[in-house]
Amino acid sequence: MSISLTAGQVVTGSAQTGLTSPTYTLAADIAPTIYGKQFAVSALGGTQANVEIHSASKPFTVTIVRPASLKAIGSVNPITGLIMGSVPKNTYKIIVRKGADILVNNPSQLASATLTISVPAGADTEGSGNDIRAMTSFLIGILQNQSAGLGDLFATGLL
């Protein structure tokens, strides 16, 4: 299995303004699709003032979804050696949902972050998929490197 999250696992988050050494303990949940895995945050660690764990009315979950049907690369023209037609894409998603308070005495609203990764069929096998691994490594590095800045951007709107 590529996704090795498990119930009881503690995930270390990155530092944010107002969040020092944040950790999140996972509980297994049922994904809204059979093609996904979902976990809820059942406990917090570090300094996280005013952050709440998962509840029915204020969810805090992560869902990882793969395509329902993985696509393969198309046929190759026997004369030109080029792929005939368009190259299909396999689309994966990571969705984080967090209930957020908006105003005193009002129900919380759902904030969400969806990361969509589109991989052309065939890129997984050509060159051992290292181009896709490099793309993933760079993406996660940028997200980790800019985590606090992104959190501040989403909270203040200042780029």
C-alpha atoms as a PDB file:
ATOM      1  CA  MET A   1       0.000   0.000   0.000  1.00  0.00           C
ATOM      2  CA  SER A   2       1.317   3.423  -0.916  1.00  0.00           C
ATOM      3  CA  ILE A   3      -0.718   5.377   1.646  1.00  0.00           C
ATOM      4  CA  SER A   4       0.454   4.144   5.014  1.00  0.00           C
ATOM      5  CA  LEU A   5      -1.706   6.247   7.334  1.00  0.00           C
ATOM      6  CA  THR A   6      -3.240   4.196  10.148  1.00  0.00           C
ATOM      7  CA  ALA A   7      -5.602   4.706  13.060  1.00  0.00           C
ATOM      8  CA  GLY A   8      -3.702   5.958  16.098  1.00  0.00           C
ATOM      9  CA  GLN A   9      -0.899   7.354  13.976  1.00  0.00           C
ATOM     10  CA  VAL A  10       0.373  10.799  14.926  1.00  0.00           C
ATOM     11  CA  VAL A  11       1.054  13.118  11.991  1.00  0.00           C
ATOM     12  CA  THR A  12       3.399  16.030  12.577  1.00  0.00           C
ATOM     13  CA  GLY A  13       2.140  19.207  10.968  1.00  0.00           C
ATOM     14  CA  SER A  14       4.303  22.131  10.022  1.00  0.00           C
ATOM     15  CA  ALA A  15       4.604  25.215  12.172  1.00  0.00           C
ATOM     16  CA  GLN A  16       2.111  27.981  11.472  1.00  0.00           C
ATOM     17  CA  THR A  17       1.503  31.376  12.981  1.00  0.00           C
ATOM     18  CA  GLY A  18      -0.062  30.504  16.350  1.00  0.00           C
ATOM     19  CA  LEU A  19       0.556  26.743  15.974  1.00  0.00           C
ATOM     20  CA  THR A  20       3.755  25.472  17.576  1.00  0.00           C
ATOM     21  CA  SER A  21       4.868  21.861  16.972  1.00  0.00           C
ATOM     22  CA  PRO A  22       1.373  20.794  15.857  1.00  0.00           C
ATOM     23  CA  THR A  23       0.535  17.085  15.842  1.00  0.00           C
ATOM     24  CA  TYR A  24      -2.632  15.311  14.769  1.00  0.00           C
ATOM     25  CA  THR A  25      -3.687  11.834  15.922  1.00  0.00           C
ATOM     26  CA  LEU A  26      -5.698   9.931  13.322  1.00  0.00           C
ATOM     27  CA  ALA A  27      -8.794   7.777  13.662  1.00  0.00           C
ATOM     28  CA  ALA A  28      -9.963   5.551  10.801  1.00  0.00           C
ATOM     29  CA  ASP A  29     -13.093   6.809   9.060  1.00  0.00           C
ATOM     30  CA  ILE A  30     -15.157   5.689   6.094  1.00  0.00           C
ATOM     31  CA  ALA A  31     -14.405   7.538   2.864  1.00  0.00           C
ATOM     32  CA  PRO A  32     -17.341   8.802   0.800  1.00  0.00           C
ATOM     33  CA  THR A  33     -16.065   6.639  -2.081  1.00  0.00           C
ATOM     34  CA  ILE A  34     -14.848   3.049  -2.228  1.00  0.00           C
ATOM     35  CA  TYR A  35     -11.797   4.360  -4.118  1.00  0.00           C
ATOM     36  CA  GLY A  36     -10.537   6.357  -1.152  1.00  0.00           C
ATOM     37  CA  LYS A  37      -9.229   6.200   2.388  1.00  0.00           C
ATOM     38  CA  GLN A  38     -10.352   8.655   5.037  1.00  0.00           C
ATOM     39  CA  PHE A  39      -9.088   9.561   8.488  1.00  0.00           C
ATOM     40  CA  ALA A  40     -10.389  11.963  11.117  1.00  0.00           C
ATOM     41  CA  VAL A  41      -8.308  13.946  13.599  1.00  0.00           C
ATOM     42  CA  SER A  42      -9.093  12.525  17.043  1.00  0.00           C
ATOM     43  CA  ALA A  43      -6.486  14.355  19.155  1.00  0.00           C
ATOM     44  CA  LEU A  44      -4.192  17.370  18.908  1.00  0.00           C
ATOM     45  CA  GLY A  45      -0.694  17.962  20.236  1.00  0.00           C
ATOM     46  CA  GLY A  46       1.613  20.938  20.498  1.00  0.00           C
ATOM     47  CA  THR A  47       0.272  24.448  20.955  1.00  0.00           C
ATOM     48  CA  GLN A  48      -2.932  24.840  18.929  1.00  0.00           C
ATOM     49  CA  ALA A  49      -5.142  27.443  20.588  1.00  0.00           C
ATOM     50  CA  ASN A  50      -8.794  27.393  19.462  1.00  0.00           C
ATOM     51  CA  VAL A  51      -8.339  24.323  17.223  1.00  0.00           C
ATOM     52  CA  GLU A  52     -10.843  21.512  17.716  1.00  0.00           C
ATOM     53  CA  ILE A  53     -10.685  17.824  16.840  1.00  0.00           C
ATOM     54  CA  HIS A  54     -13.154  16.115  14.514  1.00  0.00           C
ATOM     55  CA  SER A  55     -16.839  16.062  15.407  1.00  0.00           C
ATOM     56  CA  ALA A  56     -20.022  15.439  13.427  1.00  0.00           C
ATOM     57  CA  SER A  57     -20.866  19.137  13.260  1.00  0.00           C
ATOM     58  CA  LYS A  58     -17.281  20.324  12.823  1.00  0.00           C
ATOM     59  CA  PRO A  59     -15.361  17.771  10.768  1.00  0.00           C
ATOM     60  CA  PHE A  60     -11.564  17.551  10.569  1.00  0.00           C
ATOM     61  CA  THR A  61     -10.704  14.852   8.019  1.00  0.00           C
ATOM     62  CA  VAL A  62      -8.323  13.901   5.237  1.00  0.00           C
ATOM     63  CA  THR A  63      -9.481  11.810   2.279  1.00  0.00           C
ATOM     64  CA  ILE A  64      -7.145  10.344  -0.326  1.00  0.00           C
ATOM     65  CA  VAL A  65      -8.828   9.187  -3.546  1.00  0.00           C
ATOM     66  CA  ARG A  66      -7.518   7.292  -6.546  1.00  0.00           C
ATOM     67  CA  PRO A  67      -9.230   7.046  -9.947  1.00  0.00           C
ATOM     68  CA  ALA A  68     -12.155   4.609 -10.076  1.00  0.00           C
ATOM     69  CA  SER A  69     -10.602   3.038 -13.142  1.00  0.00           C
ATOM     70  CA  LEU A  70      -6.913   3.464 -13.927  1.00  0.00           C
ATOM     71  CA  LYS A  71      -6.321   4.445 -17.536  1.00  0.00           C
ATOM     72  CA  ALA A  72      -3.596   2.990 -19.729  1.00  0.00           C
ATOM     73  CA  ILE A  73      -1.660   4.647 -22.498  1.00  0.00           C
ATOM     74  CA  GLY A  74      -3.339   4.521 -25.917  1.00  0.00           C
ATOM     75  CA  SER A  75      -2.307   2.641 -29.032  1.00  0.00           C
ATOM     76  CA  VAL A  76       0.841   3.588 -30.899  1.00  0.00           C
ATOM     77  CA  ASN A  77       0.782   4.224 -34.633  1.00  0.00           C
ATOM     78  CA  PRO A  78       2.871   1.387 -36.163  1.00  0.00           C
ATOM     79  CA  ILE A  79       4.311   3.714 -38.811  1.00  0.00           C
ATOM     80  CA  THR A  80       5.103   6.915 -36.879  1.00  0.00           C
ATOM     81  CA  GLY A  81       5.590   5.423 -33.415  1.00  0.00           C
ATOM     82  CA  LEU A  82       3.440   8.209 -31.980  1.00  0.00           C
ATOM     83  CA  ILE A  83       0.476   7.717 -29.684  1.00  0.00           C
ATOM     84  CA  MET A  84      -2.796   7.885 -31.570  1.00  0.00           C
ATOM     85  CA  GLY A  85      -5.335  10.269 -30.022  1.00  0.00           C
ATOM     86  CA  SER A  86      -5.022  12.083 -26.733  1.00  0.00           C
ATOM     87  CA  VAL A  87      -3.119  10.746 -23.745  1.00  0.00           C
ATOM     88  CA  PRO A  88      -5.522   9.866 -20.896  1.00  0.00           C
ATOM     89  CA  LYS A  89      -4.824  11.104 -17.372  1.00  0.00           C
ATOM     90  CA  ASN A  90      -5.204   9.366 -14.022  1.00  0.00           C
ATOM     91  CA  THR A  91      -6.446  11.900 -11.475  1.00  0.00           C
ATOM     92  CA  TYR A  92      -5.796  11.537  -7.748  1.00  0.00           C
ATOM     93  CA  LYS A  93      -7.126  13.810  -4.985  1.00  0.00           C
ATOM     94  CA  ILE A  94      -6.216  14.671  -1.429  1.00  0.00           C
ATOM     95  CA  ILE A  95      -9.021  16.499   0.360  1.00  0.00           C
ATOM     96  CA  VAL A  96      -8.704  18.048   3.822  1.00  0.00           C
ATOM     97  CA  ARG A  97     -11.944  19.239   5.439  1.00  0.00           C
ATOM     98  CA  LYS A  98     -12.131  21.370   8.575  1.00  0.00           C
ATOM     99  CA  GLY A  99     -15.200  22.850  10.209  1.00  0.00           C
ATOM    100  CA  ALA A 100     -14.541  26.529  10.900  1.00  0.00           C
ATOM    101  CA  ASP A 101     -16.357  29.003  13.133  1.00  0.00           C
ATOM    102  CA  ILE A 102     -17.535  32.072  11.242  1.00  0.00           C
ATOM    103  CA  LEU A 103     -19.489  34.090  13.824  1.00  0.00           C
ATOM    104  CA  VAL A 104     -20.567  33.645  17.444  1.00  0.00           C
ATOM    105  CA  ASN A 105     -23.862  31.711  17.776  1.00  0.00           C
ATOM    106  CA  ASN A 106     -23.733  30.601  14.139  1.00  0.00           C
ATOM    107  CA  PRO A 107     -23.099  27.048  12.948  1.00  0.00           C
ATOM    108  CA  SER A 108     -19.600  26.306  11.718  1.00  0.00           C
ATOM    109  CA  GLN A 109     -18.988  26.192   7.994  1.00  0.00           C
ATOM    110  CA  LEU A 110     -16.852  23.705   6.112  1.00  0.00           C
ATOM    111  CA  ALA A 111     -13.451  24.864   4.853  1.00  0.00           C
ATOM    112  CA  SER A 112     -11.713  22.497   2.462  1.00  0.00           C
ATOM    113  CA  ALA A 113      -8.454  22.145   0.580  1.00  0.00           C
ATOM    114  CA  THR A 114      -8.373  19.885  -2.461  1.00  0.00           C
ATOM    115  CA  LEU A 115      -5.118  18.932  -4.107  1.00  0.00           C
ATOM    116  CA  THR A 116      -5.649  17.329  -7.521  1.00  0.00           C
ATOM    117  CA  ILE A 117      -2.791  15.464  -9.168  1.00  0.00           C
ATOM    118  CA  SER A 118      -3.136  14.524 -12.822  1.00  0.00           C
ATOM    119  CA  VAL A 119      -0.683  11.910 -14.156  1.00  0.00           C
ATOM    120  CA  PRO A 120      -0.554  11.084 -17.869  1.00  0.00           C
ATOM    121  CA  ALA A 121      -0.971   7.374 -18.576  1.00  0.00           C
ATOM    122  CA  GLY A 122       2.415   5.865 -19.328  1.00  0.00           C
ATOM    123  CA  ALA A 123       4.363   8.315 -17.139  1.00  0.00           C
ATOM    124  CA  ASP A 124       4.199   5.742 -14.356  1.00  0.00           C
ATOM    125  CA  THR A 125       6.316   3.250 -16.275  1.00  0.00           C
ATOM    126  CA  GLU A 126       8.526   5.281 -18.616  1.00  0.00           C
ATOM    127  CA  GLY A 127      11.765   6.146 -16.815  1.00  0.00           C
ATOM    128  CA  SER A 128      10.567   4.240 -13.724  1.00  0.00           C
ATOM    129  CA  GLY A 129       8.128   7.038 -12.959  1.00  0.00           C
ATOM    130  CA  ASN A 130      10.953   9.265 -11.661  1.00  0.00           C
ATOM    131  CA  ASP A 131       9.540  12.372 -13.363  1.00  0.00           C
ATOM    132  CA  ILE A 132       6.328  11.880 -11.366  1.00  0.00           C
ATOM    133  CA  ARG A 133       8.293  11.243  -8.168  1.00  0.00           C
ATOM    134  CA  ALA A 134      10.322  14.433  -8.752  1.00  0.00           C
ATOM    135  CA  MET A 135       7.120  16.411  -9.334  1.00  0.00           C
ATOM    136  CA  THR A 136       5.670  15.007  -6.087  1.00  0.00           C
ATOM    137  CA  SER A 137       8.850  15.664  -4.135  1.00  0.00           C
ATOM    138  CA  PHE A 138       8.994  19.262  -5.352  1.00  0.00           C
ATOM    139  CA  LEU A 139       5.296  19.863  -4.603  1.00  0.00           C
ATOM    140  CA  ILE A 140       5.590  18.563  -1.036  1.00  0.00           C
ATOM    141  CA  GLY A 141       8.820  20.514  -0.544  1.00  0.00           C
ATOM    142  CA  ILE A 142       7.135  23.742  -1.666  1.00  0.00           C
ATOM    143  CA  LEU A 143       4.109  23.073   0.568  1.00  0.00           C
ATOM    144  CA  GLN A 144       6.371  22.284   3.545  1.00  0.00           C
ATOM    145  CA  ASN A 145       8.688  25.225   2.870  1.00  0.00           C
ATOM    146  CA  GLN A 146       5.810  27.661   2.452  1.00  0.00           C
ATOM    147  CA  SER A 147       3.396  26.141   4.986  1.00  0.00           C
ATOM    148  CA  ALA A 148       3.274  29.100   7.386  1.00  0.00           C
ATOM    149  CA  GLY A 149       3.135  31.588   4.502  1.00  0.00           C
ATOM    150  CA  LEU A 150       0.246  29.701   2.901  1.00  0.00           C
ATOM    151  CA  GLY A 151      -1.625  29.548   6.217  1.00  0.00           C
ATOM    152  CA  ASP A 152      -1.104  33.283   6.661  1.00  0.00           C
ATOM    153  CA  LEU A 153      -2.237  33.916   3.061  1.00  0.00           C
ATOM    154  CA  PHE A 154      -5.455  31.962   3.554  1.00  0.00           C
ATOM    155  CA  ALA A 155      -6.132  33.744   6.875  1.00  0.00           C
ATOM    156  CA  THR A 156      -5.229  37.301   5.791  1.00  0.00           C
ATOM    157  CA  GLY A 157      -5.584  37.294   2.010  1.00  0.00           C
ATOM    158  CA  LEU A 158      -2.144  38.910   1.682  1.00  0.00           C
ATOM    159  CA  LEU A 159       0.106  37.389  -0.944  1.00  0.00           C
END
